[in-house]
PDB file of N, CA and C in Angstrom:
ATOM      1  N   UNK A   1     180.990  48.075 -52.664  1.00  0.00           N
ATOM      2  CA  UNK A   1     180.990  49.517 -52.685  1.00  0.00           C
ATOM      3  C   UNK A   1     180.110  50.018 -51.546  1.00  0.00           C
ATOM      4  N   UNK A   2     180.616  50.951 -50.777  1.00  0.00           N
ATOM      5  CA  UNK A   2     179.858  51.499 -49.662  1.00  0.00           C
ATOM      6  C   UNK A   2     178.966  52.633 -50.141  1.00  0.00           C
ATOM      7  N   UNK A   3     178.035  53.019 -49.282  1.00  0.00           N
ATOM      8  CA  UNK A   3     177.151  54.135 -49.607  1.00  0.00           C
ATOM      9  C   UNK A   3     177.949  55.412 -49.809  1.00  0.00           C
ATOM     10  N   UNK A   4     178.998  55.628 -48.997  1.00  0.00           N
ATOM     11  CA  UNK A   4     179.846  56.807 -49.141  1.00  0.00           C
ATOM     12  C   UNK A   4     180.493  56.852 -50.518  1.00  0.00           C
ATOM     13  N   UNK A   5     181.012  55.716 -50.967  1.00  0.00           N
ATOM     14  CA  UNK A   5     181.654  55.660 -52.267  1.00  0.00           C
ATOM     15  C   UNK A   5     180.658  55.940 -53.378  1.00  0.00           C
ATOM     16  N   UNK A   6     179.440  55.495 -53.215  1.00  0.00           N
ATOM     17  CA  UNK A   6     178.418  55.687 -54.248  1.00  0.00           C
ATOM     18  C   UNK A   6     178.040  57.157 -54.385  1.00  0.00           C
ATOM     19  N   UNK A   7     178.272  57.953 -53.344  1.00  0.00           N
ATOM     20  CA  UNK A   7     177.869  59.350 -53.362  1.00  0.00           C
ATOM     21  C   UNK A   7     179.004  60.299 -53.732  1.00  0.00           C
ATOM     22  N   UNK A   8     180.130  59.773 -54.180  1.00  0.00           N
ATOM     23  CA  UNK A   8     181.247  60.604 -54.614  1.00  0.00           C
ATOM     24  C   UNK A   8     180.979  61.074 -56.036  1.00  0.00           C
ATOM     25  N   UNK A   9     181.158  62.360 -56.262  1.00  0.00           N
ATOM     26  CA  UNK A   9     180.955  62.941 -57.582  1.00  0.00           C
ATOM     27  C   UNK A   9     182.297  63.458 -58.084  1.00  0.00           C
ATOM     28  N   UNK A  10     182.750  62.935 -59.218  1.00  0.00           N
ATOM     29  CA  UNK A  10     184.048  63.319 -59.766  1.00  0.00           C
ATOM     30  C   UNK A  10     183.873  64.013 -61.107  1.00  0.00           C
ATOM     31  N   UNK A  11     184.778  64.933 -61.365  1.00  0.00           N
ATOM     32  CA  UNK A  11     184.772  65.612 -62.661  1.00  0.00           C
ATOM     33  C   UNK A  11     186.208  65.978 -63.020  1.00  0.00           C
ATOM     34  N   UNK A  12     186.389  66.334 -64.248  1.00  0.00           N
ATOM     35  CA  UNK A  12     187.710  66.684 -64.752  1.00  0.00           C
ATOM     36  C   UNK A  12     187.693  68.175 -65.104  1.00  0.00           C
ATOM     37  N   UNK A  13     187.916  69.042 -64.083  1.00  0.00           N
ATOM     38  CA  UNK A  13     187.765  70.479 -64.326  1.00  0.00           C
ATOM     39  C   UNK A  13     188.794  71.060 -65.298  1.00  0.00           C
ATOM     40  N   UNK A  14     189.916  70.386 -65.491  1.00  0.00           N
ATOM     41  CA  UNK A  14     190.942  70.876 -66.409  1.00  0.00           C
ATOM     42  C   UNK A  14     191.038  69.987 -67.646  1.00  0.00           C
ATOM     43  N   UNK A  15     189.921  69.437 -68.070  1.00  0.00           N
ATOM     44  CA  UNK A  15     189.899  68.457 -69.172  1.00  0.00           C
ATOM     45  C   UNK A  15     190.645  68.944 -70.411  1.00  0.00           C
ATOM     46  N   UNK A  16     190.503  70.186 -70.752  1.00  0.00           N
ATOM     47  CA  UNK A  16     191.147  70.719 -71.950  1.00  0.00           C
ATOM     48  C   UNK A  16     192.618  71.031 -71.779  1.00  0.00           C
ATOM     49  N   UNK A  17     193.139  70.886 -70.575  1.00  0.00           N
ATOM     50  CA  UNK A  17     194.532  71.238 -70.311  1.00  0.00           C
ATOM     51  C   UNK A  17     195.483  70.042 -70.344  1.00  0.00           C
ATOM     52  N   UNK A  18     194.961  68.871 -70.659  1.00  0.00           N
ATOM     53  CA  UNK A  18     195.797  67.674 -70.722  1.00  0.00           C
ATOM     54  C   UNK A  18     196.052  67.296 -72.172  1.00  0.00           C
ATOM     55  N   UNK A  19     197.270  66.846 -72.437  1.00  0.00           N
ATOM     56  CA  UNK A  19     197.578  66.252 -73.737  1.00  0.00           C
ATOM     57  C   UNK A  19     197.487  64.746 -73.523  1.00  0.00           C
ATOM     58  N   UNK A  20     196.580  64.097 -74.249  1.00  0.00           N
ATOM     59  CA  UNK A  20     196.346  62.670 -74.060  1.00  0.00           C
ATOM     60  C   UNK A  20     196.579  61.946 -75.380  1.00  0.00           C
ATOM     61  N   UNK A  21     197.322  60.861 -75.300  1.00  0.00           N
ATOM     62  CA  UNK A  21     197.557  60.012 -76.470  1.00  0.00           C
ATOM     63  C   UNK A  21     197.045  58.623 -76.135  1.00  0.00           C
ATOM     64  N   UNK A  22     196.138  58.108 -76.962  1.00  0.00           N
ATOM     65  CA  UNK A  22     195.556  56.782 -76.735  1.00  0.00           C
ATOM     66  C   UNK A  22     196.138  55.778 -77.720  1.00  0.00           C
ATOM     67  N   UNK A  23     196.424  54.580 -77.203  1.00  0.00           N
ATOM     68  CA  UNK A  23     196.849  53.450 -78.013  1.00  0.00           C
ATOM     69  C   UNK A  23     196.015  52.255 -77.595  1.00  0.00           C
ATOM     70  N   UNK A  24     196.122  51.170 -78.332  1.00  0.00           N
ATOM     71  CA  UNK A  24     195.352  49.967 -77.987  1.00  0.00           C
ATOM     72  C   UNK A  24     195.798  49.363 -76.656  1.00  0.00           C
ATOM     73  N   UNK A  25     197.036  49.603 -76.271  1.00  0.00           N
ATOM     74  CA  UNK A  25     197.532  49.036 -75.014  1.00  0.00           C
ATOM     75  C   UNK A  25     197.588  50.046 -73.869  1.00  0.00           C
ATOM     76  N   UNK A  26     196.875  51.167 -74.000  1.00  0.00           N
ATOM     77  CA  UNK A  26     196.804  52.135 -72.913  1.00  0.00           C
ATOM     78  C   UNK A  26     196.808  53.571 -73.403  1.00  0.00           C
ATOM     79  N   UNK A  27     197.141  54.459 -72.497  1.00  0.00           N
ATOM     80  CA  UNK A  27     197.146  55.886 -72.813  1.00  0.00           C
ATOM     81  C   UNK A  27     198.230  56.573 -71.999  1.00  0.00           C
ATOM     82  N   UNK A  28     198.613  57.757 -72.457  1.00  0.00           N
ATOM     83  CA  UNK A  28     199.554  58.595 -71.729  1.00  0.00           C
ATOM     84  C   UNK A  28     198.915  59.969 -71.592  1.00  0.00           C
ATOM     85  N   UNK A  29     198.954  60.493 -70.361  1.00  0.00           N
ATOM     86  CA  UNK A  29     198.392  61.813 -70.085  1.00  0.00           C
ATOM     87  C   UNK A  29     199.530  62.726 -69.653  1.00  0.00           C
ATOM     88  N   UNK A  30     199.684  63.846 -70.348  1.00  0.00           N
ATOM     89  CA  UNK A  30     200.681  64.853 -69.980  1.00  0.00           C
ATOM     90  C   UNK A  30     199.954  66.062 -69.419  1.00  0.00           C
ATOM     91  N   UNK A  31     200.378  66.483 -68.236  1.00  0.00           N
ATOM     92  CA  UNK A  31     199.801  67.658 -67.576  1.00  0.00           C
ATOM     93  C   UNK A  31     200.802  68.795 -67.688  1.00  0.00           C
ATOM     94  N   UNK A  32     200.522  69.728 -68.567  1.00  0.00           N
ATOM     95  CA  UNK A  32     201.429  70.852 -68.808  1.00  0.00           C
ATOM     96  C   UNK A  32     201.549  71.770 -67.593  1.00  0.00           C
ATOM     97  N   UNK A  33     200.539  71.786 -66.735  1.00  0.00           N
ATOM     98  CA  UNK A  33     200.556  72.670 -65.571  1.00  0.00           C
ATOM     99  C   UNK A  33     201.701  72.336 -64.616  1.00  0.00           C
ATOM    100  N   UNK A  34     202.008  71.043 -64.476  1.00  0.00           N
ATOM    101  CA  UNK A  34     203.083  70.666 -63.550  1.00  0.00           C
ATOM    102  C   UNK A  34     204.128  69.757 -64.192  1.00  0.00           C
ATOM    103  N   UNK A  35     204.003  69.500 -65.481  1.00  0.00           N
ATOM    104  CA  UNK A  35     204.977  68.695 -66.199  1.00  0.00           C
ATOM    105  C   UNK A  35     204.918  67.205 -65.919  1.00  0.00           C
ATOM    106  N   UNK A  36     203.833  66.743 -65.306  1.00  0.00           N
ATOM    107  CA  UNK A  36     203.738  65.319 -64.986  1.00  0.00           C
ATOM    108  C   UNK A  36     203.235  64.515 -66.184  1.00  0.00           C
ATOM    109  N   UNK A  37     203.677  63.272 -66.221  1.00  0.00           N
ATOM    110  CA  UNK A  37     203.307  62.348 -67.285  1.00  0.00           C
ATOM    111  C   UNK A  37     202.791  61.079 -66.629  1.00  0.00           C
ATOM    112  N   UNK A  38     201.619  60.610 -67.044  1.00  0.00           N
ATOM    113  CA  UNK A  38     200.992  59.437 -66.441  1.00  0.00           C
ATOM    114  C   UNK A  38     200.676  58.400 -67.510  1.00  0.00           C
ATOM    115  N   UNK A  39     201.138  57.179 -67.286  1.00  0.00           N
ATOM    116  CA  UNK A  39     200.819  56.056 -68.172  1.00  0.00           C
ATOM    117  C   UNK A  39     199.584  55.358 -67.611  1.00  0.00           C
ATOM    118  N   UNK A  40     198.599  55.122 -68.463  1.00  0.00           N
ATOM    119  CA  UNK A  40     197.349  54.493 -68.041  1.00  0.00           C
ATOM    120  C   UNK A  40     197.149  53.167 -68.770  1.00  0.00           C
ATOM    121  N   UNK A  41     196.553  52.217 -68.081  1.00  0.00           N
ATOM    122  CA  UNK A  41     196.181  50.949 -68.701  1.00  0.00           C
ATOM    123  C   UNK A  41     195.034  51.210 -69.689  1.00  0.00           C
ATOM    124  N   UNK A  42     194.706  50.245 -70.535  1.00  0.00           N
ATOM    125  CA  UNK A  42     193.579  50.454 -71.455  1.00  0.00           C
ATOM    126  C   UNK A  42     192.276  50.806 -70.727  1.00  0.00           C
ATOM    127  N   UNK A  43     191.977  50.121 -69.630  1.00  0.00           N
ATOM    128  CA  UNK A  43     190.746  50.414 -68.882  1.00  0.00           C
ATOM    129  C   UNK A  43     190.810  51.807 -68.264  1.00  0.00           C
ATOM    130  N   UNK A  44     191.949  52.155 -67.691  1.00  0.00           N
ATOM    131  CA  UNK A  44     192.108  53.481 -67.094  1.00  0.00           C
ATOM    132  C   UNK A  44     192.013  54.564 -68.163  1.00  0.00           C
ATOM    133  N   UNK A  45     192.573  54.307 -69.341  1.00  0.00           N
ATOM    134  CA  UNK A  45     192.486  55.262 -70.440  1.00  0.00           C
ATOM    135  C   UNK A  45     191.055  55.490 -70.880  1.00  0.00           C
ATOM    136  N   UNK A  46     190.298  54.404 -70.978  1.00  0.00           N
ATOM    137  CA  UNK A  46     188.880  54.518 -71.352  1.00  0.00           C
ATOM    138  C   UNK A  46     188.106  55.285 -70.289  1.00  0.00           C
ATOM    139  N   UNK A  47     188.366  54.972 -69.032  1.00  0.00           N
ATOM    140  CA  UNK A  47     187.683  55.666 -67.927  1.00  0.00           C
ATOM    141  C   UNK A  47     188.019  57.153 -67.931  1.00  0.00           C
ATOM    142  N   UNK A  48     189.287  57.484 -68.147  1.00  0.00           N
ATOM    143  CA  UNK A  48     189.683  58.895 -68.158  1.00  0.00           C
ATOM    144  C   UNK A  48     189.016  59.643 -69.305  1.00  0.00           C
ATOM    145  N   UNK A  49     188.935  59.009 -70.469  1.00  0.00           N
ATOM    146  CA  UNK A  49     188.272  59.639 -71.617  1.00  0.00           C
ATOM    147  C   UNK A  49     186.804  59.929 -71.304  1.00  0.00           C
ATOM    148  N   UNK A  50     186.137  59.002 -70.628  1.00  0.00           N
ATOM    149  CA  UNK A  50     184.728  59.207 -70.258  1.00  0.00           C
ATOM    150  C   UNK A  50     184.579  60.332 -69.244  1.00  0.00           C
ATOM    151  N   UNK A  51     185.505  60.426 -68.310  1.00  0.00           N
ATOM    152  CA  UNK A  51     185.471  61.516 -67.331  1.00  0.00           C
ATOM    153  C   UNK A  51     185.738  62.858 -68.000  1.00  0.00           C
ATOM    154  N   UNK A  52     186.688  62.897 -68.912  1.00  0.00           N
ATOM    155  CA  UNK A  52     186.982  64.136 -69.633  1.00  0.00           C
ATOM    156  C   UNK A  52     185.777  64.605 -70.438  1.00  0.00           C
ATOM    157  N   UNK A  53     185.070  63.671 -71.036  1.00  0.00           N
ATOM    158  CA  UNK A  53     183.909  63.996 -71.866  1.00  0.00           C
ATOM    159  C   UNK A  53     182.645  64.209 -71.039  1.00  0.00           C
ATOM    160  N   UNK A  54     182.773  64.131 -69.721  1.00  0.00           N
ATOM    161  CA  UNK A  54     181.653  64.300 -68.790  1.00  0.00           C
ATOM    162  C   UNK A  54     180.543  63.287 -69.037  1.00  0.00           C
ATOM    163  N   UNK A  55     180.909  62.075 -69.440  1.00  0.00           N
ATOM    164  CA  UNK A  55     179.936  61.008 -69.652  1.00  0.00           C
ATOM    165  C   UNK A  55     179.791  60.143 -68.407  1.00  0.00           C
ATOM    166  N   UNK A  56     180.575  60.429 -67.373  1.00  0.00           N
ATOM    167  CA  UNK A  56     180.516  59.696 -66.110  1.00  0.00           C
ATOM    168  C   UNK A  56     181.036  60.596 -65.000  1.00  0.00           C
ATOM    169  N   UNK A  57     180.560  60.332 -63.777  1.00  0.00           N
ATOM    170  CA  UNK A  57     181.014  61.154 -62.651  1.00  0.00           C
ATOM    171  C   UNK A  57     181.247  60.346 -61.381  1.00  0.00           C
ATOM    172  N   UNK A  58     180.976  59.052 -61.424  1.00  0.00           N
ATOM    173  CA  UNK A  58     181.221  58.183 -60.276  1.00  0.00           C
ATOM    174  C   UNK A  58     181.436  56.764 -60.785  1.00  0.00           C
ATOM    175  N   UNK A  59     181.740  55.849 -59.873  1.00  0.00           N
ATOM    176  CA  UNK A  59     182.057  54.481 -60.281  1.00  0.00           C
ATOM    177  C   UNK A  59     180.891  53.822 -61.013  1.00  0.00           C
ATOM    178  N   UNK A  60     179.683  54.021 -60.541  1.00  0.00           N
ATOM    179  CA  UNK A  60     178.522  53.377 -61.167  1.00  0.00           C
ATOM    180  C   UNK A  60     178.274  53.932 -62.575  1.00  0.00           C
ATOM    181  N   UNK A  61     178.281  55.240 -62.733  1.00  0.00           N
ATOM    182  CA  UNK A  61     178.052  55.804 -64.073  1.00  0.00           C
ATOM    183  C   UNK A  61     179.207  55.464 -65.016  1.00  0.00           C
ATOM    184  N   UNK A  62     180.401  55.326 -64.465  1.00  0.00           N
ATOM    185  CA  UNK A  62     181.541  54.906 -65.264  1.00  0.00           C
ATOM    186  C   UNK A  62     181.341  53.477 -65.759  1.00  0.00           C
ATOM    187  N   UNK A  63     180.873  52.607 -64.874  1.00  0.00           N
ATOM    188  CA  UNK A  63     180.610  51.212 -65.247  1.00  0.00           C
ATOM    189  C   UNK A  63     179.579  51.141 -66.374  1.00  0.00           C
ATOM    190  N   UNK A  64     178.502  51.896 -66.238  1.00  0.00           N
ATOM    191  CA  UNK A  64     177.467  51.899 -67.280  1.00  0.00           C
ATOM    192  C   UNK A  64     178.016  52.440 -68.600  1.00  0.00           C
ATOM    193  N   UNK A  65     178.783  53.534 -68.528  1.00  0.00           N
ATOM    194  CA  UNK A  65     179.346  54.133 -69.745  1.00  0.00           C
ATOM    195  C   UNK A  65     180.338  53.204 -70.427  1.00  0.00           C
ATOM    196  N   UNK A  66     180.956  52.310 -69.647  1.00  0.00           N
ATOM    197  CA  UNK A  66     181.912  51.344 -70.199  1.00  0.00           C
ATOM    198  C   UNK A  66     181.221  50.076 -70.683  1.00  0.00           C
ATOM    199  N   UNK A  67     179.888  50.048 -70.629  1.00  0.00           N
ATOM    200  CA  UNK A  67     179.137  48.924 -71.170  1.00  0.00           C
ATOM    201  C   UNK A  67     178.820  47.817 -70.187  1.00  0.00           C
ATOM    202  N   UNK A  68     178.992  48.054 -68.898  1.00  0.00           N
ATOM    203  CA  UNK A  68     178.665  47.053 -67.883  1.00  0.00           C
ATOM    204  C   UNK A  68     177.237  47.300 -67.408  1.00  0.00           C
ATOM    205  N   UNK A  69     176.288  46.585 -67.957  1.00  0.00           N
ATOM    206  CA  UNK A  69     174.878  46.804 -67.641  1.00  0.00           C
ATOM    207  C   UNK A  69     174.554  46.481 -66.185  1.00  0.00           C
ATOM    208  N   UNK A  70     175.131  45.415 -65.668  1.00  0.00           N
ATOM    209  CA  UNK A  70     174.926  45.006 -64.279  1.00  0.00           C
ATOM    210  C   UNK A  70     176.300  44.823 -63.620  1.00  0.00           C
ATOM    211  N   UNK A  71     176.967  45.928 -63.251  1.00  0.00           N
ATOM    212  CA  UNK A  71     178.317  45.806 -62.706  1.00  0.00           C
ATOM    213  C   UNK A  71     178.337  45.069 -61.367  1.00  0.00           C
ATOM    214  N   UNK A  72     179.332  44.217 -61.206  1.00  0.00           N
ATOM    215  CA  UNK A  72     179.540  43.486 -59.963  1.00  0.00           C
ATOM    216  C   UNK A  72     180.193  44.418 -58.940  1.00  0.00           C
ATOM    217  N   UNK A  73     180.080  44.068 -57.673  1.00  0.00           N
ATOM    218  CA  UNK A  73     180.672  44.868 -56.596  1.00  0.00           C
ATOM    219  C   UNK A  73     182.179  45.030 -56.824  1.00  0.00           C
ATOM    220  N   UNK A  74     182.851  43.964 -57.246  1.00  0.00           N
ATOM    221  CA  UNK A  74     184.295  44.011 -57.485  1.00  0.00           C
ATOM    222  C   UNK A  74     184.645  45.006 -58.591  1.00  0.00           C
ATOM    223  N   UNK A  75     183.819  45.058 -59.638  1.00  0.00           N
ATOM    224  CA  UNK A  75     184.057  46.002 -60.730  1.00  0.00           C
ATOM    225  C   UNK A  75     183.868  47.437 -60.254  1.00  0.00           C
ATOM    226  N   UNK A  76     182.836  47.657 -59.462  1.00  0.00           N
ATOM    227  CA  UNK A  76     182.598  49.001 -58.922  1.00  0.00           C
ATOM    228  C   UNK A  76     183.726  49.412 -57.982  1.00  0.00           C
ATOM    229  N   UNK A  77     184.212  48.476 -57.175  1.00  0.00           N
ATOM    230  CA  UNK A  77     185.330  48.770 -56.282  1.00  0.00           C
ATOM    231  C   UNK A  77     186.584  49.125 -57.073  1.00  0.00           C
ATOM    232  N   UNK A  78     186.833  48.396 -58.159  1.00  0.00           N
ATOM    233  CA  UNK A  78     187.998  48.678 -59.004  1.00  0.00           C
ATOM    234  C   UNK A  78     187.885  50.061 -59.636  1.00  0.00           C
ATOM    235  N   UNK A  79     186.701  50.410 -60.102  1.00  0.00           N
ATOM    236  CA  UNK A  79     186.498  51.729 -60.706  1.00  0.00           C
ATOM    237  C   UNK A  79     186.604  52.830 -59.660  1.00  0.00           C
ATOM    238  N   UNK A  80     186.104  52.572 -58.450  1.00  0.00           N
ATOM    239  CA  UNK A  80     186.234  53.551 -57.372  1.00  0.00           C
ATOM    240  C   UNK A  80     187.714  53.768 -57.043  1.00  0.00           C
ATOM    241  N   UNK A  81     188.479  52.698 -57.003  1.00  0.00           N
ATOM    242  CA  UNK A  81     189.915  52.792 -56.758  1.00  0.00           C
ATOM    243  C   UNK A  81     190.598  53.599 -57.857  1.00  0.00           C
ATOM    244  N   UNK A  82     190.166  53.393 -59.090  1.00  0.00           N
ATOM    245  CA  UNK A  82     190.704  54.134 -60.221  1.00  0.00           C
ATOM    246  C   UNK A  82     190.421  55.623 -60.081  1.00  0.00           C
ATOM    247  N   UNK A  83     189.209  55.964 -59.648  1.00  0.00           N
ATOM    248  CA  UNK A  83     188.867  57.371 -59.428  1.00  0.00           C
ATOM    249  C   UNK A  83     189.769  57.988 -58.367  1.00  0.00           C
ATOM    250  N   UNK A  84     190.012  57.257 -57.294  1.00  0.00           N
ATOM    251  CA  UNK A  84     190.894  57.760 -56.236  1.00  0.00           C
ATOM    252  C   UNK A  84     192.320  57.956 -56.755  1.00  0.00           C
ATOM    253  N   UNK A  85     192.771  57.051 -57.612  1.00  0.00           N
ATOM    254  CA  UNK A  85     194.100  57.200 -58.204  1.00  0.00           C
ATOM    255  C   UNK A  85     194.164  58.426 -59.102  1.00  0.00           C
ATOM    256  N   UNK A  86     193.139  58.618 -59.935  1.00  0.00           N
ATOM    257  CA  UNK A  86     193.084  59.806 -60.792  1.00  0.00           C
ATOM    258  C   UNK A  86     193.111  61.079 -59.948  1.00  0.00           C
ATOM    259  N   UNK A  87     192.369  61.063 -58.854  1.00  0.00           N
ATOM    260  CA  UNK A  87     192.330  62.242 -57.981  1.00  0.00           C
ATOM    261  C   UNK A  87     193.702  62.491 -57.364  1.00  0.00           C
ATOM    262  N   UNK A  88     194.378  61.440 -56.919  1.00  0.00           N
ATOM    263  CA  UNK A  88     195.698  61.617 -56.309  1.00  0.00           C
ATOM    264  C   UNK A  88     196.734  62.099 -57.331  1.00  0.00           C
ATOM    265  N   UNK A  89     196.521  61.799 -58.620  1.00  0.00           N
ATOM    266  CA  UNK A  89     197.416  62.271 -59.680  1.00  0.00           C
ATOM    267  C   UNK A  89     197.102  63.711 -60.085  1.00  0.00           C
ATOM    268  N   UNK A  90     195.980  64.243 -59.590  1.00  0.00           N
ATOM    269  CA  UNK A  90     195.588  65.598 -59.953  1.00  0.00           C
ATOM    270  C   UNK A  90     194.851  65.686 -61.273  1.00  0.00           C
ATOM    271  N   UNK A  91     194.363  64.557 -61.780  1.00  0.00           N
ATOM    272  CA  UNK A  91     193.666  64.543 -63.064  1.00  0.00           C
ATOM    273  C   UNK A  91     192.180  64.882 -62.939  1.00  0.00           C
ATOM    274  N   UNK A  92     191.596  64.565 -61.798  1.00  0.00           N
ATOM    275  CA  UNK A  92     190.183  64.852 -61.558  1.00  0.00           C
ATOM    276  C   UNK A  92     190.012  65.419 -60.149  1.00  0.00           C
ATOM    277  N   UNK A  93     188.844  65.953 -59.893  1.00  0.00           N
ATOM    278  CA  UNK A  93     188.481  66.440 -58.553  1.00  0.00           C
ATOM    279  C   UNK A  93     187.203  65.730 -58.123  1.00  0.00           C
ATOM    280  N   UNK A  94     187.191  65.206 -56.897  1.00  0.00           N
ATOM    281  CA  UNK A  94     186.036  64.462 -56.391  1.00  0.00           C
ATOM    282  C   UNK A  94     185.503  65.141 -55.147  1.00  0.00           C
ATOM    283  N   UNK A  95     184.175  65.128 -55.003  1.00  0.00           N
ATOM    284  CA  UNK A  95     183.517  65.680 -53.827  1.00  0.00           C
ATOM    285  C   UNK A  95     182.479  64.693 -53.326  1.00  0.00           C
ATOM    286  N   UNK A  96     182.200  64.729 -52.047  1.00  0.00           N
ATOM    287  CA  UNK A  96     181.121  63.913 -51.465  1.00  0.00           C
ATOM    288  C   UNK A  96     179.800  64.628 -51.695  1.00  0.00           C
ATOM    289  N   UNK A  97     178.771  63.847 -51.894  1.00  0.00           N
ATOM    290  CA  UNK A  97     177.466  64.476 -51.992  1.00  0.00           C
ATOM    291  C   UNK A  97     176.790  64.109 -53.213  1.00  0.00           C
TER     292      UNK A  97
END
C-alpha cells in the first residue's frame, strides 16, 4: 500500500438510499437512484456494511474493523482495490487527504 492509498478517505454518503440483502455467500445492493444491482462477495458485503455504518473510511480502518489486527500489505491492497470498485459502482465517494 502506498502513502497515497493510505490517505484516501471514503464514505457512503447515500447509505440510507440502498436496499441491501445479506446472505452467508454474499450480498446484493440495489441502488434505486439509477436502478443498478450489484452482487458482492461475502468479504465485499462485510466491507460495504462497515462503510455504510461509518465504522471504516479507508483500507486500514476497514482491515481493523474486519478483525485483522496486523493486516498484511496484500490484505490492505485487496481492501484498497475493493474501495476503488465500490467507488466506480457509485456506492461510495472517496477523497484524498
